[in-house]
Every structure is written in C-alpha cells, then in structure tokens.
Amino acid sequence: AEEKISWSMPTFWKGHNIIHFAGFKNHVGLYP
C-alpha cells in the first residue's frame, strides 16, 4: 500500500483507500 493524506487523514491506499487513522486530543482514531 501507498501512504497519502486523504480526507485530511493519514491513509493507506492501493487503487482505493484501505484504512485511515488520525490523531485527536485523547485518542487515535482508526477508520477501517
């Protein structure tokens, strides 16, 4: 997978967005 910023979040991509993650005040958000 390639890394990029998508939807203003770190994203792993291979032909489409696979999974995103992001930093917030008290937690890491994972967006699968």
PDB file of all heavy atoms in Angstrom:
ATOM      1  N   ALA A   1       0.837  -1.208   0.000  1.00  0.00           N
ATOM      2  CA  ALA A   1       0.000   0.000   0.000  1.00  0.00           C
ATOM      3  C   ALA A   1       0.870   1.255   0.000  1.00  0.00           C
ATOM      4  O   ALA A   1       1.981   1.271   0.511  1.00  0.00           O
ATOM      5  CB  ALA A   1      -0.922  -0.008   1.207  1.00  0.00           C
ATOM      6  N   GLU A   2       0.311   2.324  -0.570  1.00  0.00           N
ATOM      7  CA  GLU A   2       0.971   3.630  -0.553  1.00  0.00           C
ATOM      8  C   GLU A   2       0.372   4.461   0.572  1.00  0.00           C
ATOM      9  O   GLU A   2      -0.795   4.299   0.909  1.00  0.00           O
ATOM     10  CB  GLU A   2       0.708   4.371  -1.866  1.00  0.00           C
ATOM     11  CG  GLU A   2       1.333   3.744  -3.077  1.00  0.00           C
ATOM     12  CD  GLU A   2       0.895   4.482  -4.342  1.00  0.00           C
ATOM     13  OE1 GLU A   2       0.912   5.732  -4.342  1.00  0.00           O
ATOM     14  OE2 GLU A   2       0.506   3.803  -5.296  1.00  0.00           O
ATOM     15  N   GLU A   3       1.201   5.356   1.111  1.00  0.00           N
ATOM     16  CA  GLU A   3       0.713   6.295   2.125  1.00  0.00           C
ATOM     17  C   GLU A   3       0.359   7.610   1.447  1.00  0.00           C
ATOM     18  O   GLU A   3       1.071   8.063   0.562  1.00  0.00           O
ATOM     19  CB  GLU A   3       1.813   6.604   3.139  1.00  0.00           C
ATOM     20  CG  GLU A   3       2.110   5.503   4.092  1.00  0.00           C
ATOM     21  CD  GLU A   3       3.128   5.956   5.129  1.00  0.00           C
ATOM     22  OE1 GLU A   3       4.056   6.707   4.798  1.00  0.00           O
ATOM     23  OE2 GLU A   3       2.987   5.547   6.266  1.00  0.00           O
ATOM     24  N   LYS A   4      -0.739   8.198   1.886  1.00  0.00           N
ATOM     25  CA  LYS A   4      -1.075   9.536   1.414  1.00  0.00           C
ATOM     26  C   LYS A   4      -2.000  10.191   2.429  1.00  0.00           C
ATOM     27  O   LYS A   4      -2.437   9.553   3.382  1.00  0.00           O
ATOM     28  CB  LYS A   4      -1.708   9.487   0.027  1.00  0.00           C
ATOM     29  CG  LYS A   4      -3.051   8.771  -0.059  1.00  0.00           C
ATOM     30  CD  LYS A   4      -3.523   8.768  -1.515  1.00  0.00           C
ATOM     31  CE  LYS A   4      -4.987   8.499  -1.627  1.00  0.00           C
ATOM     32  NZ  LYS A   4      -5.483   8.662  -2.980  1.00  0.00           N
ATOM     33  N   ILE A   5      -2.267  11.465   2.208  1.00  0.00           N
ATOM     34  CA  ILE A   5      -3.252  12.164   3.035  1.00  0.00           C
ATOM     35  C   ILE A   5      -4.547  12.194   2.229  1.00  0.00           C
ATOM     36  O   ILE A   5      -4.565  12.629   1.079  1.00  0.00           O
ATOM     37  CB  ILE A   5      -2.797  13.605   3.379  1.00  0.00           C
ATOM     38  CG1 ILE A   5      -1.492  13.602   4.189  1.00  0.00           C
ATOM     39  CG2 ILE A   5      -3.907  14.361   4.120  1.00  0.00           C
ATOM     40  CD1 ILE A   5      -1.602  13.065   5.602  1.00  0.00           C
ATOM     41  N   SER A   6      -5.624  11.674   2.814  1.00  0.00           N
ATOM     42  CA  SER A   6      -6.928  11.676   2.172  1.00  0.00           C
ATOM     43  C   SER A   6      -7.959  12.005   3.245  1.00  0.00           C
ATOM     44  O   SER A   6      -7.861  11.503   4.361  1.00  0.00           O
ATOM     45  CB  SER A   6      -7.199  10.303   1.558  1.00  0.00           C
ATOM     46  OG  SER A   6      -8.428  10.276   0.890  1.00  0.00           O
ATOM     47  N   TRP A   7      -8.938  12.830   2.926  1.00  0.00           N
ATOM     48  CA  TRP A   7      -9.900  13.296   3.929  1.00  0.00           C
ATOM     49  C   TRP A   7      -9.156  13.931   5.114  1.00  0.00           C
ATOM     50  O   TRP A   7      -9.542  13.770   6.263  1.00  0.00           O
ATOM     51  CB  TRP A   7     -10.794  12.156   4.434  1.00  0.00           C
ATOM     52  CG  TRP A   7     -11.567  11.476   3.354  1.00  0.00           C
ATOM     53  CD1 TRP A   7     -11.265  10.275   2.758  1.00  0.00           C
ATOM     54  CD2 TRP A   7     -12.749  11.932   2.720  1.00  0.00           C
ATOM     55  NE1 TRP A   7     -12.188   9.981   1.797  1.00  0.00           N
ATOM     56  CE2 TRP A   7     -13.123  10.981   1.757  1.00  0.00           C
ATOM     57  CE3 TRP A   7     -13.545  13.063   2.869  1.00  0.00           C
ATOM     58  CZ2 TRP A   7     -14.234  11.122   0.947  1.00  0.00           C
ATOM     59  CZ3 TRP A   7     -14.654  13.204   2.066  1.00  0.00           C
ATOM     60  CH2 TRP A   7     -14.990  12.248   1.122  1.00  0.00           C
ATOM     61  N   SER A   8      -8.013  14.578   4.830  1.00  0.00           N
ATOM     62  CA  SER A   8      -7.164  15.230   5.850  1.00  0.00           C
ATOM     63  C   SER A   8      -6.590  14.265   6.869  1.00  0.00           C
ATOM     64  O   SER A   8      -6.200  14.665   7.963  1.00  0.00           O
ATOM     65  CB  SER A   8      -7.930  16.335   6.589  1.00  0.00           C
ATOM     66  OG  SER A   8      -8.417  17.275   5.671  1.00  0.00           O
ATOM     67  N   MET A   9      -6.536  12.973   6.538  1.00  0.00           N
ATOM     68  CA  MET A   9      -6.007  11.966   7.469  1.00  0.00           C
ATOM     69  C   MET A   9      -4.949  11.106   6.780  1.00  0.00           C
ATOM     70  O   MET A   9      -5.041  10.866   5.578  1.00  0.00           O
ATOM     71  CB  MET A   9      -7.120  11.018   7.927  1.00  0.00           C
ATOM     72  CG  MET A   9      -8.175  11.639   8.787  1.00  0.00           C
ATOM     73  SD  MET A   9      -9.355  10.371   9.322  1.00  0.00           S
ATOM     74  CE  MET A   9     -10.415  10.245   7.891  1.00  0.00           C
ATOM     75  N   PRO A  10      -3.987  10.589   7.568  1.00  0.00           N
ATOM     76  CA  PRO A  10      -3.082   9.588   7.012  1.00  0.00           C
ATOM     77  C   PRO A  10      -3.896   8.396   6.504  1.00  0.00           C
ATOM     78  O   PRO A  10      -4.791   7.908   7.197  1.00  0.00           O
ATOM     79  CB  PRO A  10      -2.208   9.193   8.195  1.00  0.00           C
ATOM     80  CG  PRO A  10      -2.244  10.392   9.096  1.00  0.00           C
ATOM     81  CD  PRO A  10      -3.639  10.923   8.948  1.00  0.00           C
ATOM     82  N   THR A  11      -3.582   7.970   5.309  1.00  0.00           N
ATOM     83  CA  THR A  11      -4.358   6.937   4.630  1.00  0.00           C
ATOM     84  C   THR A  11      -3.428   5.938   3.956  1.00  0.00           C
ATOM     85  O   THR A  11      -2.386   6.325   3.423  1.00  0.00           O
ATOM     86  CB  THR A  11      -5.251   7.607   3.549  1.00  0.00           C
ATOM     87  OG1 THR A  11      -6.096   8.554   4.198  1.00  0.00           O
ATOM     88  CG2 THR A  11      -6.083   6.600   2.783  1.00  0.00           C
ATOM     89  N   PHE A  12      -3.820   4.689   3.980  1.00  0.00           N
ATOM     90  CA  PHE A  12      -3.115   3.664   3.202  1.00  0.00           C
ATOM     91  C   PHE A  12      -3.996   3.339   2.010  1.00  0.00           C
ATOM     92  O   PHE A  12      -5.204   3.114   2.161  1.00  0.00           O
ATOM     93  CB  PHE A  12      -2.821   2.433   4.068  1.00  0.00           C
ATOM     94  CG  PHE A  12      -1.662   2.671   4.980  1.00  0.00           C
ATOM     95  CD1 PHE A  12      -1.826   3.349   6.169  1.00  0.00           C
ATOM     96  CD2 PHE A  12      -0.385   2.256   4.630  1.00  0.00           C
ATOM     97  CE1 PHE A  12      -0.754   3.616   7.005  1.00  0.00           C
ATOM     98  CE2 PHE A  12       0.702   2.516   5.455  1.00  0.00           C
ATOM     99  CZ  PHE A  12       0.515   3.186   6.636  1.00  0.00           C
ATOM    100  N   TRP A  13      -3.388   3.334   0.816  1.00  0.00           N
ATOM    101  CA  TRP A  13      -4.110   3.310  -0.441  1.00  0.00           C
ATOM    102  C   TRP A  13      -3.498   2.300  -1.398  1.00  0.00           C
ATOM    103  O   TRP A  13      -2.284   2.174  -1.477  1.00  0.00           O
ATOM    104  CB  TRP A  13      -4.015   4.715  -1.030  1.00  0.00           C
ATOM    105  CG  TRP A  13      -4.747   4.939  -2.309  1.00  0.00           C
ATOM    106  CD1 TRP A  13      -6.030   5.359  -2.439  1.00  0.00           C
ATOM    107  CD2 TRP A  13      -4.232   4.809  -3.639  1.00  0.00           C
ATOM    108  NE1 TRP A  13      -6.342   5.479  -3.779  1.00  0.00           N
ATOM    109  CE2 TRP A  13      -5.260   5.150  -4.521  1.00  0.00           C
ATOM    110  CE3 TRP A  13      -3.002   4.423  -4.157  1.00  0.00           C
ATOM    111  CZ2 TRP A  13      -5.102   5.119  -5.908  1.00  0.00           C
ATOM    112  CZ3 TRP A  13      -2.836   4.388  -5.533  1.00  0.00           C
ATOM    113  CH2 TRP A  13      -3.886   4.736  -6.383  1.00  0.00           C
ATOM    114  N   LYS A  14      -4.332   1.570  -2.095  1.00  0.00           N
ATOM    115  CA  LYS A  14      -3.879   0.719  -3.201  1.00  0.00           C
ATOM    116  C   LYS A  14      -5.059   0.591  -4.151  1.00  0.00           C
ATOM    117  O   LYS A  14      -5.921  -0.255  -3.991  1.00  0.00           O
ATOM    118  CB  LYS A  14      -3.443  -0.654  -2.676  1.00  0.00           C
ATOM    119  CG  LYS A  14      -3.020  -1.611  -3.775  1.00  0.00           C
ATOM    120  CD  LYS A  14      -1.524  -1.751  -3.805  1.00  0.00           C
ATOM    121  CE  LYS A  14      -1.124  -2.833  -4.692  1.00  0.00           C
ATOM    122  NZ  LYS A  14      -0.577  -3.164  -5.672  1.00  0.00           N
ATOM    123  N   GLY A  15      -5.161   1.526  -5.096  1.00  0.00           N
ATOM    124  CA  GLY A  15      -6.294   1.545  -6.012  1.00  0.00           C
ATOM    125  C   GLY A  15      -7.534   2.174  -5.393  1.00  0.00           C
ATOM    126  O   GLY A  15      -8.423   2.637  -6.086  1.00  0.00           O
ATOM    127  N   HIS A  16      -7.599   2.181  -4.088  1.00  0.00           N
ATOM    128  CA  HIS A  16      -8.673   2.817  -3.320  1.00  0.00           C
ATOM    129  C   HIS A  16      -8.160   2.988  -1.892  1.00  0.00           C
ATOM    130  O   HIS A  16      -7.161   2.403  -1.513  1.00  0.00           O
ATOM    131  CB  HIS A  16      -9.958   1.968  -3.337  1.00  0.00           C
ATOM    132  CG  HIS A  16      -9.762   0.575  -2.804  1.00  0.00           C
ATOM    133  ND1 HIS A  16      -9.675   0.292  -1.456  1.00  0.00           N
ATOM    134  CD2 HIS A  16      -9.589  -0.616  -3.441  1.00  0.00           C
ATOM    135  CE1 HIS A  16      -9.467  -1.010  -1.286  1.00  0.00           C
ATOM    136  NE2 HIS A  16      -9.414  -1.579  -2.477  1.00  0.00           N
ATOM    137  N   ASN A  17      -8.865   3.786  -1.090  1.00  0.00           N
ATOM    138  CA  ASN A  17      -8.481   3.944   0.313  1.00  0.00           C
ATOM    139  C   ASN A  17      -8.753   2.640   1.053  1.00  0.00           C
ATOM    140  O   ASN A  17      -9.854   2.110   0.987  1.00  0.00           O
ATOM    141  CB  ASN A  17      -9.274   5.084   0.965  1.00  0.00           C
ATOM    142  CG  ASN A  17      -8.875   6.433   0.416  1.00  0.00           C
ATOM    143  OD1 ASN A  17      -7.793   6.603  -0.131  1.00  0.00           O
ATOM    144  ND2 ASN A  17      -9.752   7.412   0.543  1.00  0.00           N
ATOM    145  N   ILE A  18      -7.739   2.137   1.759  1.00  0.00           N
ATOM    146  CA  ILE A  18      -7.879   0.882   2.509  1.00  0.00           C
ATOM    147  C   ILE A  18      -8.260   1.180   3.957  1.00  0.00           C
ATOM    148  O   ILE A  18      -9.197   0.619   4.502  1.00  0.00           O
ATOM    149  CB  ILE A  18      -6.567   0.072   2.468  1.00  0.00           C
ATOM    150  CG1 ILE A  18      -6.189  -0.255   1.020  1.00  0.00           C
ATOM    151  CG2 ILE A  18      -6.703  -1.207   3.307  1.00  0.00           C
ATOM    152  CD1 ILE A  18      -4.756  -0.732   0.858  1.00  0.00           C
ATOM    153  N   ILE A  19      -7.500   2.075   4.589  1.00  0.00           N
ATOM    154  CA  ILE A  19      -7.711   2.371   6.011  1.00  0.00           C
ATOM    155  C   ILE A  19      -7.109   3.744   6.308  1.00  0.00           C
ATOM    156  O   ILE A  19      -6.098   4.124   5.715  1.00  0.00           O
ATOM    157  CB  ILE A  19      -7.091   1.252   6.890  1.00  0.00           C
ATOM    158  CG1 ILE A  19      -7.555   1.343   8.342  1.00  0.00           C
ATOM    159  CG2 ILE A  19      -5.576   1.210   6.771  1.00  0.00           C
ATOM    160  CD1 ILE A  19      -7.270   0.069   9.149  1.00  0.00           C
ATOM    161  N   HIS A  20      -7.760   4.496   7.186  1.00  0.00           N
ATOM    162  CA  HIS A  20      -7.277   5.819   7.616  1.00  0.00           C
ATOM    163  C   HIS A  20      -7.005   5.770   9.120  1.00  0.00           C
ATOM    164  O   HIS A  20      -7.609   4.973   9.831  1.00  0.00           O
ATOM    165  CB  HIS A  20      -8.353   6.911   7.450  1.00  0.00           C
ATOM    166  CG  HIS A  20      -9.021   6.992   6.136  1.00  0.00           C
ATOM    167  ND1 HIS A  20      -8.499   7.674   5.068  1.00  0.00           N
ATOM    168  CD2 HIS A  20     -10.210   6.492   5.711  1.00  0.00           C
ATOM    169  CE1 HIS A  20      -9.346   7.599   4.045  1.00  0.00           C
ATOM    170  NE2 HIS A  20     -10.389   6.883   4.414  1.00  0.00           N
ATOM    171  N   PHE A  21      -6.147   6.688   9.585  1.00  0.00           N
ATOM    172  CA  PHE A  21      -6.028   6.907  11.027  1.00  0.00           C
ATOM    173  C   PHE A  21      -5.791   8.385  11.262  1.00  0.00           C
ATOM    174  O   PHE A  21      -5.434   9.118  10.345  1.00  0.00           O
ATOM    175  CB  PHE A  21      -4.926   6.027  11.654  1.00  0.00           C
ATOM    176  CG  PHE A  21      -3.518   6.360  11.241  1.00  0.00           C
ATOM    177  CD1 PHE A  21      -2.723   7.180  12.034  1.00  0.00           C
ATOM    178  CD2 PHE A  21      -2.963   5.835  10.079  1.00  0.00           C
ATOM    179  CE1 PHE A  21      -1.417   7.471  11.677  1.00  0.00           C
ATOM    180  CE2 PHE A  21      -1.661   6.112   9.706  1.00  0.00           C
ATOM    181  CZ  PHE A  21      -0.883   6.943  10.506  1.00  0.00           C
ATOM    182  N   ALA A  22      -6.037   8.847  12.482  1.00  0.00           N
ATOM    183  CA  ALA A  22      -5.888  10.264  12.785  1.00  0.00           C
ATOM    184  C   ALA A  22      -5.644  10.464  14.271  1.00  0.00           C
ATOM    185  O   ALA A  22      -6.044   9.642  15.085  1.00  0.00           O
ATOM    186  CB  ALA A  22      -7.149  11.026  12.354  1.00  0.00           C
ATOM    187  N   GLY A  23      -4.991  11.574  14.592  1.00  0.00           N
ATOM    188  CA  GLY A  23      -4.733  11.918  15.982  1.00  0.00           C
ATOM    189  C   GLY A  23      -5.758  12.908  16.488  1.00  0.00           C
ATOM    190  O   GLY A  23      -6.088  13.880  15.805  1.00  0.00           O
ATOM    191  N   PHE A  24      -6.280  12.655  17.668  1.00  0.00           N
ATOM    192  CA  PHE A  24      -7.199  13.567  18.335  1.00  0.00           C
ATOM    193  C   PHE A  24      -6.638  13.890  19.710  1.00  0.00           C
ATOM    194  O   PHE A  24      -5.585  13.394  20.085  1.00  0.00           O
ATOM    195  CB  PHE A  24      -8.603  12.948  18.421  1.00  0.00           C
ATOM    196  CG  PHE A  24      -9.237  12.786  17.069  1.00  0.00           C
ATOM    197  CD1 PHE A  24      -9.070  11.616  16.355  1.00  0.00           C
ATOM    198  CD2 PHE A  24      -9.960  13.824  16.501  1.00  0.00           C
ATOM    199  CE1 PHE A  24      -9.622  11.467  15.092  1.00  0.00           C
ATOM    200  CE2 PHE A  24     -10.519  13.690  15.239  1.00  0.00           C
ATOM    201  CZ  PHE A  24     -10.351  12.507  14.530  1.00  0.00           C
ATOM    202  N   LYS A  25      -7.355  14.685  20.482  1.00  0.00           N
ATOM    203  CA  LYS A  25      -6.846  15.139  21.773  1.00  0.00           C
ATOM    204  C   LYS A  25      -6.494  13.972  22.702  1.00  0.00           C
ATOM    205  O   LYS A  25      -5.437  13.962  23.311  1.00  0.00           O
ATOM    206  CB  LYS A  25      -7.887  16.055  22.425  1.00  0.00           C
ATOM    207  CG  LYS A  25      -7.380  16.746  23.666  1.00  0.00           C
ATOM    208  CD  LYS A  25      -8.410  17.705  24.206  1.00  0.00           C
ATOM    209  CE  LYS A  25      -7.926  18.324  25.493  1.00  0.00           C
ATOM    210  NZ  LYS A  25      -8.993  19.008  26.196  1.00  0.00           N
ATOM    211  N   ASN A  26      -7.397  12.984  22.809  1.00  0.00           N
ATOM    212  CA  ASN A  26      -7.193  11.899  23.767  1.00  0.00           C
ATOM    213  C   ASN A  26      -7.037  10.517  23.152  1.00  0.00           C
ATOM    214  O   ASN A  26      -6.858   9.541  23.865  1.00  0.00           O
ATOM    215  CB  ASN A  26      -8.379  11.844  24.741  1.00  0.00           C
ATOM    216  CG  ASN A  26      -8.479  13.122  25.557  1.00  0.00           C
ATOM    217  OD1 ASN A  26      -7.483  13.580  26.100  1.00  0.00           O
ATOM    218  ND2 ASN A  26      -9.653  13.704  25.613  1.00  0.00           N
ATOM    219  N   HIS A  27      -7.138  10.434  21.821  1.00  0.00           N
ATOM    220  CA  HIS A  27      -7.107   9.106  21.207  1.00  0.00           C
ATOM    221  C   HIS A  27      -6.619   9.138  19.760  1.00  0.00           C
ATOM    222  O   HIS A  27      -6.588  10.185  19.127  1.00  0.00           O
ATOM    223  CB  HIS A  27      -8.507   8.476  21.243  1.00  0.00           C
ATOM    224  CG  HIS A  27      -9.493   9.162  20.352  1.00  0.00           C
ATOM    225  ND1 HIS A  27     -10.207  10.271  20.747  1.00  0.00           N
ATOM    226  CD2 HIS A  27      -9.895   8.905  19.081  1.00  0.00           C
ATOM    227  CE1 HIS A  27     -10.991  10.671  19.757  1.00  0.00           C
ATOM    228  NE2 HIS A  27     -10.826   9.851  18.727  1.00  0.00           N
ATOM    229  N   VAL A  28      -6.254   7.945  19.290  1.00  0.00           N
ATOM    230  CA  VAL A  28      -6.032   7.725  17.864  1.00  0.00           C
ATOM    231  C   VAL A  28      -7.353   7.211  17.309  1.00  0.00           C
ATOM    232  O   VAL A  28      -7.956   6.295  17.888  1.00  0.00           O
ATOM    233  CB  VAL A  28      -4.939   6.655  17.617  1.00  0.00           C
ATOM    234  CG1 VAL A  28      -4.853   6.301  16.130  1.00  0.00           C
ATOM    235  CG2 VAL A  28      -3.583   7.121  18.123  1.00  0.00           C
ATOM    236  N   GLY A  29      -7.815   7.797  16.227  1.00  0.00           N
ATOM    237  CA  GLY A  29      -8.993   7.290  15.534  1.00  0.00           C
ATOM    238  C   GLY A  29      -8.535   6.391  14.396  1.00  0.00           C
ATOM    239  O   GLY A  29      -7.646   6.769  13.628  1.00  0.00           O
ATOM    240  N   LEU A  30      -9.089   5.204  14.317  1.00  0.00           N
ATOM    241  CA  LEU A  30      -8.809   4.284  13.212  1.00  0.00           C
ATOM    242  C   LEU A  30     -10.099   4.155  12.417  1.00  0.00           C
ATOM    243  O   LEU A  30     -11.170   3.953  12.997  1.00  0.00           O
ATOM    244  CB  LEU A  30      -8.358   2.925  13.759  1.00  0.00           C
ATOM    245  CG  LEU A  30      -7.841   1.924  12.721  1.00  0.00           C
ATOM    246  CD1 LEU A  30      -6.466   2.358  12.190  1.00  0.00           C
ATOM    247  CD2 LEU A  30      -7.746   0.526  13.310  1.00  0.00           C
ATOM    248  N   TYR A  31      -9.995   4.267  11.102  1.00  0.00           N
ATOM    249  CA  TYR A  31     -11.177   4.290  10.242  1.00  0.00           C
ATOM    250  C   TYR A  31     -11.110   3.166   9.210  1.00  0.00           C
ATOM    251  O   TYR A  31     -10.693   3.376   8.076  1.00  0.00           O
ATOM    252  CB  TYR A  31     -11.296   5.662   9.552  1.00  0.00           C
ATOM    253  CG  TYR A  31     -11.402   6.774  10.559  1.00  0.00           C
ATOM    254  CD1 TYR A  31     -10.260   7.385  11.068  1.00  0.00           C
ATOM    255  CD2 TYR A  31     -12.635   7.171  11.048  1.00  0.00           C
ATOM    256  CE1 TYR A  31     -10.349   8.374  12.034  1.00  0.00           C
ATOM    257  CE2 TYR A  31     -12.740   8.173  12.014  1.00  0.00           C
ATOM    258  CZ  TYR A  31     -11.593   8.773  12.495  1.00  0.00           C
ATOM    259  OH  TYR A  31     -11.685   9.743  13.452  1.00  0.00           O
ATOM    260  N   PRO A  32     -11.514   1.957   9.608  1.00  0.00           N
ATOM    261  CA  PRO A  32     -11.466   0.830   8.680  1.00  0.00           C
ATOM    262  C   PRO A  32     -12.773   0.604   7.924  1.00  0.00           C
ATOM    263  O   PRO A  32     -12.848  -0.260   7.060  1.00  0.00           O
ATOM    264  CB  PRO A  32     -11.179  -0.347   9.608  1.00  0.00           C
ATOM    265  CG  PRO A  32     -11.896   0.009  10.872  1.00  0.00           C
ATOM    266  CD  PRO A  32     -11.808   1.519  10.981  1.00  0.00           C
TER     267      PRO A  32
END
